[in-house]
C-alpha atoms as a PDB file:
ATOM      1  CA  MET A   1      64.192  18.733-118.957  1.00  0.00           C
ATOM      2  CA  LYS A   2      64.097  15.090-117.936  1.00  0.00           C
ATOM      3  CA  LEU A   3      63.847  13.057-121.124  1.00  0.00           C
ATOM      4  CA  LEU A   4      63.134   9.346-121.313  1.00  0.00           C
ATOM      5  CA  THR A   5      62.124   6.487-123.570  1.00  0.00           C
ATOM      6  CA  PHE A   6      59.354   4.166-122.454  1.00  0.00           C
ATOM      7  CA  SER A   7      56.780   1.717-123.691  1.00  0.00           C
ATOM      8  CA  HIS A   8      53.047   1.683-123.149  1.00  0.00           C
ATOM      9  CA  GLY A   9      51.204  -1.167-124.739  1.00  0.00           C
ATOM     10  CA  LYS A  10      52.958  -1.902-128.023  1.00  0.00           C
ATOM     11  CA  ASP A  11      54.256   1.628-128.521  1.00  0.00           C
ATOM     12  CA  THR A  12      57.770   2.885-127.843  1.00  0.00           C
ATOM     13  CA  ILE A  13      57.571   6.555-126.910  1.00  0.00           C
ATOM     14  CA  PHE A  14      60.082   9.381-126.594  1.00  0.00           C
ATOM     15  CA  GLY A  15      58.944  11.541-123.736  1.00  0.00           C
ATOM     16  CA  ALA A  16      59.575  14.008-120.963  1.00  0.00           C
ATOM     17  CA  LYS A  17      58.812  13.754-117.260  1.00  0.00           C
ATOM     18  CA  VAL A  18      56.387  16.347-115.876  1.00  0.00           C
ATOM     19  CA  GLY A  19      55.553  15.825-112.212  1.00  0.00           C
ATOM     20  CA  SER A  20      54.089  12.347-111.727  1.00  0.00           C
ATOM     21  CA  HIS A  21      53.332  11.996-115.430  1.00  0.00           C
ATOM     22  CA  VAL A  22      55.309  11.369-118.589  1.00  0.00           C
ATOM     23  CA  ILE A  23      54.477  13.201-121.788  1.00  0.00           C
ATOM     24  CA  ASN A  24      54.600  11.853-125.329  1.00  0.00           C
ATOM     25  CA  LEU A  25      56.851  14.626-126.575  1.00  0.00           C
ATOM     26  CA  PRO A  26      56.286  14.268-130.342  1.00  0.00           C
ATOM     27  CA  GLU A  27      52.511  14.251-129.805  1.00  0.00           C
ATOM     28  CA  LEU A  28      52.663  17.259-127.500  1.00  0.00           C
ATOM     29  CA  VAL A  29      54.710  19.223-130.031  1.00  0.00           C
ATOM     30  CA  ALA A  30      52.230  18.228-132.741  1.00  0.00           C
ATOM     31  CA  LEU A  31      49.402  19.661-130.632  1.00  0.00           C
ATOM     32  CA  SER A  32      51.305  22.825-129.832  1.00  0.00           C
ATOM     33  CA  GLU A  33      53.114  23.455-133.106  1.00  0.00           C
ATOM     34  CA  GLY A  34      50.945  21.656-135.639  1.00  0.00           C
ATOM     35  CA  GLU A  35      53.862  19.514-136.820  1.00  0.00           C
ATOM     36  CA  LYS A  36      52.834  15.889-136.760  1.00  0.00           C
ATOM     37  CA  ASN A  37      55.889  14.588-138.619  1.00  0.00           C
ATOM     38  CA  GLY A  38      58.327  17.421-138.097  1.00  0.00           C
ATOM     39  CA  PHE A  39      59.616  16.532-134.634  1.00  0.00           C
ATOM     40  CA  PRO A  40      62.127  13.755-133.834  1.00  0.00           C
ATOM     41  CA  GLN A  41      60.600  10.479-132.739  1.00  0.00           C
ATOM     42  CA  ASP A  42      63.527   9.267-130.606  1.00  0.00           C
ATOM     43  CA  MET A  43      66.116  10.785-128.318  1.00  0.00           C
ATOM     44  CA  ALA A  44      69.205  10.398-130.491  1.00  0.00           C
ATOM     45  CA  SER A  45      67.384  12.090-133.372  1.00  0.00           C
ATOM     46  CA  TYR A  46      66.218  14.809-131.006  1.00  0.00           C
ATOM     47  CA  PHE A  47      69.783  15.684-130.040  1.00  0.00           C
ATOM     48  CA  ALA A  48      70.899  15.486-133.671  1.00  0.00           C
ATOM     49  CA  ALA A  49      68.175  17.994-134.604  1.00  0.00           C
ATOM     50  CA  GLY A  50      69.844  20.630-132.455  1.00  0.00           C
ATOM     51  CA  ASP A  51      68.439  23.869-131.074  1.00  0.00           C
ATOM     52  CA  ALA A  52      65.355  23.899-133.298  1.00  0.00           C
ATOM     53  CA  ALA A  53      63.975  20.707-131.723  1.00  0.00           C
ATOM     54  CA  LYS A  54      65.020  21.824-128.241  1.00  0.00           C
ATOM     55  CA  LYS A  55      63.113  25.107-128.558  1.00  0.00           C
ATOM     56  CA  LYS A  56      59.988  23.332-129.839  1.00  0.00           C
ATOM     57  CA  ALA A  57      60.086  20.941-126.889  1.00  0.00           C
ATOM     58  CA  GLN A  58      60.600  23.760-124.404  1.00  0.00           C
ATOM     59  CA  ARG A  59      57.718  25.794-125.861  1.00  0.00           C
ATOM     60  CA  ALA A  60      55.396  22.798-125.818  1.00  0.00           C
ATOM     61  CA  LEU A  61      56.271  21.784-122.262  1.00  0.00           C
ATOM     62  CA  ALA A  62      55.836  25.374-121.086  1.00  0.00           C
ATOM     63  CA  THR A  63      52.143  25.126-122.027  1.00  0.00           C
ATOM     64  CA  ILE A  64      51.528  22.381-119.486  1.00  0.00           C
ATOM     65  CA  LYS A  65      49.859  23.610-116.315  1.00  0.00           C
ATOM     66  CA  SER A  66      48.538  21.323-113.613  1.00  0.00           C
ATOM     67  CA  GLU A  67      44.964  21.787-114.811  1.00  0.00           C
ATOM     68  CA  ARG A  68      45.924  20.691-118.337  1.00  0.00           C
ATOM     69  CA  ILE A  69      47.310  17.306-117.319  1.00  0.00           C
ATOM     70  CA  ALA A  70      43.845  15.723-117.124  1.00  0.00           C
ATOM     71  CA  GLU A  71      43.110  16.924-120.657  1.00  0.00           C
ATOM     72  CA  LEU A  72      46.390  15.500-121.948  1.00  0.00           C
ATOM     73  CA  VAL A  73      45.677  12.201-120.191  1.00  0.00           C
ATOM     74  CA  SER A  74      42.297  11.992-121.918  1.00  0.00           C
ATOM     75  CA  GLN A  75      44.049  12.594-125.256  1.00  0.00           C
ATOM     76  CA  GLY A  76      46.635   9.882-124.578  1.00  0.00           C
ATOM     77  CA  VAL A  77      49.462  12.435-124.633  1.00  0.00           C
ATOM     78  CA  ALA A  78      50.167  12.207-120.886  1.00  0.00           C
ATOM     79  CA  LEU A  79      50.454   8.986-118.901  1.00  0.00           C
ATOM     80  CA  GLU A  80      50.901   8.251-115.232  1.00  0.00           C
ATOM     81  CA  GLU A  81      54.559   7.401-114.782  1.00  0.00           C
ATOM     82  CA  ALA A  82      53.677   4.454-112.562  1.00  0.00           C
ATOM     83  CA  LYS A  83      51.987   2.747-115.545  1.00  0.00           C
ATOM     84  CA  ILE A  84      54.854   2.795-118.035  1.00  0.00           C
ATOM     85  CA  THR A  85      57.715   0.426-118.768  1.00  0.00           C
ATOM     86  CA  TYR A  86      61.076   2.184-118.774  1.00  0.00           C
ATOM     87  CA  LEU A  87      63.407   1.481-121.667  1.00  0.00           C
ATOM     88  CA  PRO A  88      67.040   2.498-122.190  1.00  0.00           C
ATOM     89  CA  PRO A  89      66.879   6.210-123.051  1.00  0.00           C
ATOM     90  CA  ILE A  90      68.751   5.545-126.306  1.00  0.00           C
ATOM     91  CA  ALA A  91      67.997   2.096-127.676  1.00  0.00           C
ATOM     92  CA  SER A  92      70.884   1.676-130.089  1.00  0.00           C
ATOM     93  CA  PRO A  93      73.639   4.200-129.462  1.00  0.00           C
ATOM     94  CA  GLY A  94      76.320   4.287-132.116  1.00  0.00           C
ATOM     95  CA  LYS A  95      78.968   4.038-129.420  1.00  0.00           C
ATOM     96  CA  ILE A  96      79.061   3.155-125.723  1.00  0.00           C
ATOM     97  CA  ILE A  97      82.512   4.134-124.467  1.00  0.00           C
ATOM     98  CA  CYS A  98      83.411   3.412-120.860  1.00  0.00           C
ATOM     99  CA  LEU A  99      86.256   4.406-118.584  1.00  0.00           C
ATOM    100  CA  GLY A 100      87.960   2.185-116.063  1.00  0.00           C
ATOM    101  CA  MET A 101      89.919   3.406-113.066  1.00  0.00           C
ATOM    102  CA  ASN A 102      88.707   6.994-113.142  1.00  0.00           C
ATOM    103  CA  TYR A 103      88.237   7.590-109.403  1.00  0.00           C
ATOM    104  CA  ARG A 104      91.338   8.030-107.290  1.00  0.00           C
ATOM    105  CA  GLN A 105      89.973   6.022-104.359  1.00  0.00           C
ATOM    106  CA  HIS A 106      88.827   3.204-106.657  1.00  0.00           C
ATOM    107  CA  ALA A 107      92.305   2.909-108.153  1.00  0.00           C
ATOM    108  CA  GLN A 108      93.671   2.794-104.619  1.00  0.00           C
ATOM    109  CA  GLU A 109      91.295   0.030-103.463  1.00  0.00           C
ATOM    110  CA  MET A 110      92.256  -2.038-106.527  1.00  0.00           C
ATOM    111  CA  GLY A 111      95.960  -1.598-105.765  1.00  0.00           C
ATOM    112  CA  ARG A 112      96.632   0.372-108.943  1.00  0.00           C
ATOM    113  CA  GLU A 113      98.496   3.576-109.630  1.00  0.00           C
ATOM    114  CA  PRO A 114      96.319   6.302-111.182  1.00  0.00           C
ATOM    115  CA  PRO A 115      96.521   5.824-114.956  1.00  0.00           C
ATOM    116  CA  LYS A 116      98.415   8.304-117.094  1.00  0.00           C
ATOM    117  CA  TYR A 117      95.763   8.184-119.810  1.00  0.00           C
ATOM    118  CA  PRO A 118      92.050   7.273-119.679  1.00  0.00           C
ATOM    119  CA  THR A 119      91.461   3.525-119.723  1.00  0.00           C
ATOM    120  CA  LEU A 120      88.811   2.915-122.383  1.00  0.00           C
ATOM    121  CA  PHE A 121      86.671  -0.070-123.322  1.00  0.00           C
ATOM    122  CA  GLY A 122      83.480  -0.508-125.289  1.00  0.00           C
ATOM    123  CA  LYS A 123      80.029  -1.869-124.627  1.00  0.00           C
ATOM    124  CA  PHE A 124      77.379  -2.783-127.175  1.00  0.00           C
ATOM    125  CA  SER A 125      73.681  -1.996-127.265  1.00  0.00           C
ATOM    126  CA  HIS A 126      72.596  -5.595-126.535  1.00  0.00           C
ATOM    127  CA  THR A 127      73.782  -5.042-122.946  1.00  0.00           C
ATOM    128  CA  LEU A 128      71.348  -2.193-122.205  1.00  0.00           C
ATOM    129  CA  ILE A 129      68.277  -2.497-119.985  1.00  0.00           C
ATOM    130  CA  GLY A 130      66.027   0.166-118.527  1.00  0.00           C
ATOM    131  CA  HIS A 131      65.092   1.303-115.046  1.00  0.00           C
ATOM    132  CA  LYS A 132      63.364  -1.467-113.054  1.00  0.00           C
ATOM    133  CA  GLN A 133      64.183  -4.091-115.679  1.00  0.00           C
ATOM    134  CA  GLU A 134      65.890  -7.273-114.522  1.00  0.00           C
ATOM    135  CA  ILE A 135      69.610  -7.889-114.342  1.00  0.00           C
ATOM    136  CA  VAL A 136      69.618 -11.589-115.249  1.00  0.00           C
ATOM    137  CA  LEU A 137      72.647 -13.376-113.842  1.00  0.00           C
ATOM    138  CA  PRO A 138      74.661 -15.516-116.274  1.00  0.00           C
ATOM    139  CA  MET A 139      74.724 -19.267-115.810  1.00  0.00           C
ATOM    140  CA  ILE A 140      78.506 -19.400-116.197  1.00  0.00           C
ATOM    141  CA  SER A 141      79.639 -17.024-113.447  1.00  0.00           C
ATOM    142  CA  ASP A 142      78.876 -16.156-109.834  1.00  0.00           C
ATOM    143  CA  MET A 143      81.245 -13.152-109.782  1.00  0.00           C
ATOM    144  CA  VAL A 144      78.883 -10.429-111.023  1.00  0.00           C
ATOM    145  CA  ASP A 145      79.689  -6.992-109.626  1.00  0.00           C
ATOM    146  CA  TYR A 146      77.890  -3.631-109.479  1.00  0.00           C
ATOM    147  CA  GLU A 147      79.406  -0.303-110.607  1.00  0.00           C
ATOM    148  CA  ALA A 148      77.604   3.039-110.219  1.00  0.00           C
ATOM    149  CA  GLU A 149      78.522   5.554-112.919  1.00  0.00           C
ATOM    150  CA  LEU A 150      77.697   8.963-114.331  1.00  0.00           C
ATOM    151  CA  ALA A 151      77.126   8.677-118.077  1.00  0.00           C
ATOM    152  CA  LEU A 152      77.243  11.459-120.659  1.00  0.00           C
ATOM    153  CA  VAL A 153      74.992  11.559-123.704  1.00  0.00           C
ATOM    154  CA  ILE A 154      76.553  13.382-126.624  1.00  0.00           C
ATOM    155  CA  GLY A 155      74.344  16.123-128.012  1.00  0.00           C
ATOM    156  CA  ARG A 156      76.127  17.157-131.201  1.00  0.00           C
ATOM    157  CA  GLU A 157      78.828  15.868-133.490  1.00  0.00           C
ATOM    158  CA  GLY A 158      82.406  16.701-132.657  1.00  0.00           C
ATOM    159  CA  LYS A 159      85.968  15.708-133.498  1.00  0.00           C
ATOM    160  CA  ALA A 160      89.161  16.897-131.785  1.00  0.00           C
ATOM    161  CA  ILE A 161      87.111  18.834-129.240  1.00  0.00           C
ATOM    162  CA  LYS A 162      89.032  21.115-126.896  1.00  0.00           C
ATOM    163  CA  ALA A 163      88.452  20.618-123.176  1.00  0.00           C
ATOM    164  CA  GLU A 164      87.378  24.233-122.728  1.00  0.00           C
ATOM    165  CA  ASN A 165      84.512  23.667-125.168  1.00  0.00           C
ATOM    166  CA  ALA A 166      83.686  20.079-124.272  1.00  0.00           C
ATOM    167  CA  LEU A 167      80.568  20.668-122.154  1.00  0.00           C
ATOM    168  CA  ASP A 168      78.921  22.298-125.188  1.00  0.00           C
ATOM    169  CA  PHE A 169      78.862  18.866-126.854  1.00  0.00           C
ATOM    170  CA  ILE A 170      76.921  17.150-124.060  1.00  0.00           C
ATOM    171  CA  GLY A 171      73.191  16.721-124.608  1.00  0.00           C
ATOM    172  CA  GLY A 172      72.512  15.374-121.145  1.00  0.00           C
ATOM    173  CA  TYR A 173      73.463  13.142-118.247  1.00  0.00           C
ATOM    174  CA  THR A 174      72.168   9.799-117.060  1.00  0.00           C
ATOM    175  CA  ILE A 175      73.035   6.911-114.714  1.00  0.00           C
ATOM    176  CA  LEU A 176      74.701   3.694-115.843  1.00  0.00           C
ATOM    177  CA  ASN A 177      75.394   0.525-113.861  1.00  0.00           C
ATOM    178  CA  ASP A 178      78.470  -1.062-115.433  1.00  0.00           C
ATOM    179  CA  VAL A 179      77.662  -4.563-114.217  1.00  0.00           C
ATOM    180  CA  SER A 180      80.871  -6.560-114.581  1.00  0.00           C
ATOM    181  CA  VAL A 181      81.421 -10.311-114.740  1.00  0.00           C
ATOM    182  CA  ARG A 182      84.733 -10.248-112.924  1.00  0.00           C
ATOM    183  CA  ASP A 183      86.127 -13.709-113.646  1.00  0.00           C
ATOM    184  CA  PHE A 184      85.600 -13.223-117.385  1.00  0.00           C
ATOM    185  CA  GLN A 185      86.883  -9.643-117.208  1.00  0.00           C
ATOM    186  CA  ASN A 186      90.144 -10.798-115.660  1.00  0.00           C
ATOM    187  CA  ARG A 187      90.808 -13.736-117.981  1.00  0.00           C
ATOM    188  CA  THR A 188      92.843 -11.438-120.234  1.00  0.00           C
ATOM    189  CA  LEU A 189      94.318  -7.954-120.156  1.00  0.00           C
ATOM    190  CA  GLN A 190      91.372  -6.751-122.258  1.00  0.00           C
ATOM    191  CA  TRP A 191      88.140  -6.241-120.285  1.00  0.00           C
ATOM    192  CA  LEU A 192      85.560  -6.405-123.066  1.00  0.00           C
ATOM    193  CA  GLN A 193      84.478  -9.994-122.427  1.00  0.00           C
ATOM    194  CA  GLY A 194      83.503  -9.230-118.830  1.00  0.00           C
ATOM    195  CA  LYS A 195      81.601  -6.094-119.773  1.00  0.00           C
ATOM    196  CA  ASN A 196      79.284  -7.278-122.554  1.00  0.00           C
ATOM    197  CA  PHE A 197      77.031 -10.026-121.249  1.00  0.00           C
ATOM    198  CA  ASP A 198      73.465  -9.839-122.535  1.00  0.00           C
ATOM    199  CA  ARG A 199      71.189  -7.410-120.685  1.00  0.00           C
ATOM    200  CA  SER A 200      73.880  -6.575-118.130  1.00  0.00           C
ATOM    201  CA  CYS A 201      73.924  -2.774-118.272  1.00  0.00           C
ATOM    202  CA  PRO A 202      71.103  -0.812-116.615  1.00  0.00           C
ATOM    203  CA  ILE A 203      70.827   2.789-117.770  1.00  0.00           C
ATOM    204  CA  GLY A 204      68.406   5.663-117.114  1.00  0.00           C
ATOM    205  CA  PRO A 205      65.722   6.231-116.192  1.00  0.00           C
ATOM    206  CA  TYR A 206      66.136   9.775-117.498  1.00  0.00           C
ATOM    207  CA  VAL A 207      68.537  11.869-119.474  1.00  0.00           C
ATOM    208  CA  VAL A 208      68.687  15.195-117.664  1.00  0.00           C
ATOM    209  CA  THR A 209      69.513  17.875-120.201  1.00  0.00           C
ATOM    210  CA  ALA A 210      72.877  19.560-119.863  1.00  0.00           C
ATOM    211  CA  ASP A 211      71.434  22.938-118.895  1.00  0.00           C
ATOM    212  CA  GLU A 212      70.279  21.447-115.576  1.00  0.00           C
ATOM    213  CA  VAL A 213      73.746  20.273-114.475  1.00  0.00           C
ATOM    214  CA  ALA A 214      76.144  23.172-113.954  1.00  0.00           C
ATOM    215  CA  ASP A 215      79.221  21.069-113.151  1.00  0.00           C
ATOM    216  CA  PRO A 216      79.316  17.307-113.814  1.00  0.00           C
ATOM    217  CA  ASP A 217      82.593  17.091-111.894  1.00  0.00           C
ATOM    218  CA  LYS A 218      80.875  17.930-108.589  1.00  0.00           C
ATOM    219  CA  LEU A 219      78.045  15.410-108.244  1.00  0.00           C
ATOM    220  CA  ASP A 220      77.340  13.042-105.345  1.00  0.00           C
ATOM    221  CA  ILE A 221      76.916   9.415-106.379  1.00  0.00           C
ATOM    222  CA  GLU A 222      75.728   6.508-104.236  1.00  0.00           C
ATOM    223  CA  LEU A 223      74.918   2.836-104.758  1.00  0.00           C
ATOM    224  CA  LYS A 224      72.854   0.739-102.375  1.00  0.00           C
ATOM    225  CA  LEU A 225      72.661  -3.033-102.480  1.00  0.00           C
ATOM    226  CA  ASN A 226      69.510  -4.163-100.663  1.00  0.00           C
ATOM    227  CA  ASP A 227      69.399  -0.729 -98.975  1.00  0.00           C
ATOM    228  CA  LYS A 228      72.979  -1.005 -97.702  1.00  0.00           C
ATOM    229  CA  VAL A 229      75.319   1.723 -98.964  1.00  0.00           C
ATOM    230  CA  MET A 230      78.156   0.091-100.907  1.00  0.00           C
ATOM    231  CA  GLN A 231      79.477   3.046-102.899  1.00  0.00           C
ATOM    232  CA  HIS A 232      79.365   6.699-101.908  1.00  0.00           C
ATOM    233  CA  SER A 233      81.534   9.321-103.526  1.00  0.00           C
ATOM    234  CA  ASN A 234      81.575  12.504-105.564  1.00  0.00           C
ATOM    235  CA  THR A 235      82.697  13.008-109.144  1.00  0.00           C
ATOM    236  CA  SER A 236      85.244  15.480-107.792  1.00  0.00           C
ATOM    237  CA  ASP A 237      87.309  12.311-107.156  1.00  0.00           C
ATOM    238  CA  PHE A 238      87.665  11.814-110.914  1.00  0.00           C
ATOM    239  CA  ILE A 239      91.199  11.328-112.193  1.00  0.00           C
ATOM    240  CA  PHE A 240      90.090  12.618-115.596  1.00  0.00           C
ATOM    241  CA  SER A 241      87.428  15.335-115.590  1.00  0.00           C
ATOM    242  CA  VAL A 242      84.473  15.296-117.960  1.00  0.00           C
ATOM    243  CA  PRO A 243      86.025  17.902-120.321  1.00  0.00           C
ATOM    244  CA  VAL A 244      89.313  15.987-120.410  1.00  0.00           C
ATOM    245  CA  ILE A 245      87.473  12.728-121.140  1.00  0.00           C
ATOM    246  CA  ILE A 246      85.648  14.262-124.091  1.00  0.00           C
ATOM    247  CA  GLU A 247      88.796  15.901-125.409  1.00  0.00           C
ATOM    248  CA  TYR A 248      90.726  12.632-125.223  1.00  0.00           C
ATOM    249  CA  ILE A 249      88.095  10.392-126.813  1.00  0.00           C
ATOM    250  CA  SER A 250      87.311  12.888-129.577  1.00  0.00           C
ATOM    251  CA  GLN A 251      90.975  12.871-130.596  1.00  0.00           C
ATOM    252  CA  ILE A 252      90.489   9.200-131.445  1.00  0.00           C
ATOM    253  CA  MET A 253      86.987   9.145-132.929  1.00  0.00           C
ATOM    254  CA  THR A 254      84.179  11.426-133.984  1.00  0.00           C
ATOM    255  CA  LEU A 255      81.494  11.718-131.335  1.00  0.00           C
ATOM    256  CA  SER A 256      77.921  11.722-132.613  1.00  0.00           C
ATOM    257  CA  PRO A 257      74.522  12.617-131.101  1.00  0.00           C
ATOM    258  CA  GLY A 258      73.284   9.766-128.941  1.00  0.00           C
ATOM    259  CA  ASP A 259      76.719   8.314-128.207  1.00  0.00           C
ATOM    260  CA  ILE A 260      77.186   7.400-124.541  1.00  0.00           C
ATOM    261  CA  ILE A 261      80.330   7.893-122.477  1.00  0.00           C
ATOM    262  CA  SER A 262      80.358   6.323-119.016  1.00  0.00           C
ATOM    263  CA  THR A 263      82.854   7.939-116.689  1.00  0.00           C
ATOM    264  CA  GLY A 264      83.950   5.125-114.372  1.00  0.00           C
ATOM    265  CA  THR A 265      82.939   3.893-110.937  1.00  0.00           C
ATOM    266  CA  PRO A 266      83.952   5.011-107.434  1.00  0.00           C
ATOM    267  CA  SER A 267      85.399   2.887-104.652  1.00  0.00           C
ATOM    268  CA  GLY A 268      83.323   0.265-102.874  1.00  0.00           C
ATOM    269  CA  VAL A 269      82.959  -2.330-105.635  1.00  0.00           C
ATOM    270  CA  GLY A 270      82.244  -5.885-104.540  1.00  0.00           C
ATOM    271  CA  VAL A 271      85.421  -7.453-105.900  1.00  0.00           C
ATOM    272  CA  ALA A 272      87.591  -5.183-103.715  1.00  0.00           C
ATOM    273  CA  ARG A 273      85.798  -6.032-100.468  1.00  0.00           C
ATOM    274  CA  ASP A 274      86.880  -8.561 -97.857  1.00  0.00           C
ATOM    275  CA  PRO A 275      84.924 -10.758 -98.052  1.00  0.00           C
ATOM    276  CA  GLN A 276      83.992 -10.092-101.650  1.00  0.00           C
ATOM    277  CA  VAL A 277      80.371  -9.230-102.434  1.00  0.00           C
ATOM    278  CA  PHE A 278      78.735 -10.250-105.705  1.00  0.00           C
ATOM    279  CA  LEU A 279      75.193  -9.925-106.955  1.00  0.00           C
ATOM    280  CA  LYS A 280      72.782 -12.781-106.269  1.00  0.00           C
ATOM    281  CA  ALA A 281      69.204 -13.515-107.212  1.00  0.00           C
ATOM    282  CA  GLY A 282      66.755 -11.489-105.152  1.00  0.00           C
ATOM    283  CA  ASP A 283      69.055  -8.498-104.744  1.00  0.00           C
ATOM    284  CA  THR A 284      68.019  -4.950-105.586  1.00  0.00           C
ATOM    285  CA  VAL A 285      70.535  -2.370-106.774  1.00  0.00           C
ATOM    286  CA  LYS A 286      69.756   1.343-106.463  1.00  0.00           C
ATOM    287  CA  ILE A 287      72.000   4.117-107.765  1.00  0.00           C
ATOM    288  CA  LYS A 288      71.354   7.737-106.821  1.00  0.00           C
ATOM    289  CA  LEU A 289      73.081  10.512-108.716  1.00  0.00           C
ATOM    290  CA  GLU A 290      72.768  14.148-107.693  1.00  0.00           C
ATOM    291  CA  LYS A 291      70.650  16.246-110.103  1.00  0.00           C
ATOM    292  CA  VAL A 292      69.979  13.202-112.297  1.00  0.00           C
ATOM    293  CA  GLY A 293      67.786  10.787-110.350  1.00  0.00           C
ATOM    294  CA  MET A 294      67.727   7.187-109.206  1.00  0.00           C
ATOM    295  CA  LEU A 295      68.204   3.969-111.189  1.00  0.00           C
ATOM    296  CA  GLU A 296      66.847   0.772-109.638  1.00  0.00           C
ATOM    297  CA  ASN A 297      67.095  -2.815-110.880  1.00  0.00           C
ATOM    298  CA  PRO A 298      66.225  -6.202-109.387  1.00  0.00           C
ATOM    299  CA  VAL A 299      68.564  -9.160-109.845  1.00  0.00           C
ATOM    300  CA  PHE A 300      67.108 -12.367-111.263  1.00  0.00           C
ATOM    301  CA  PRO A 301      68.513 -15.919-111.418  1.00  0.00           C
ATOM    302  CA  PRO A 302      69.943 -17.270-114.671  1.00  0.00           C
ATOM    303  CA  ALA A 303      67.406 -17.918-117.395  1.00  0.00           C
ATOM    304  CA  ASP A 304      66.821 -21.555-118.320  1.00  0.00           C
END
């Protein structure tokens, strides 16, 4: 399944993509199962509800044939995807944990030795924006960089998870652009201040459920800036694999449904180029991730 969160009018809707339409998943389940209030109304709650909610969603979506779409449109349960506003798939994740220096070639281009342990930092939910929403440049920096990343969405609670079982704790996969304000990031040894500017972290548009991605450590990833390829790699270049990442982080903290772990960016970042390349107003950033989709965001000038 491709799950998403979107708005239409004043409503925020948890849905699934079906062809060129998006489906209001709680409403569809209510039609199919007769449970108006028994199905989760948001994605984090959906993952927390476990297999019972997953099976209801699968049964309901299996009833959709091409000839039924028109009926669902007339009922307001299906909408043309072109008419929605994409929102971050999970609006307020309990945790957004990110890795730095997790691709071998990226460590090399930055002149660093591969780290012995995962390099972790946190983001907060105020940074998140959806697919096609604007990256608004800050007034106080002109060193804003792009970073294409595979992000994991935790599907069930876990602590001290073993690597061999780690994939069982993933609800799905999405795309994250870890937009970084480099001059602020490098003011101190801690990166948090360069990673948490308002509305600086595009994510989405979909969360592709874990059953559709056999091996997250073998996915092509590409970023284009104004249709020029700037980053192109494969997650096989990870220093720390997805299972190892989950094992390591879960030794430190309990992972909960809806938490997001972003796995680091490949080589080709703007700060490592000669001459350096930073985002400017009028740019468009597109990230394509195998089996997951494409995340696109325009870049806007600083707000007054």
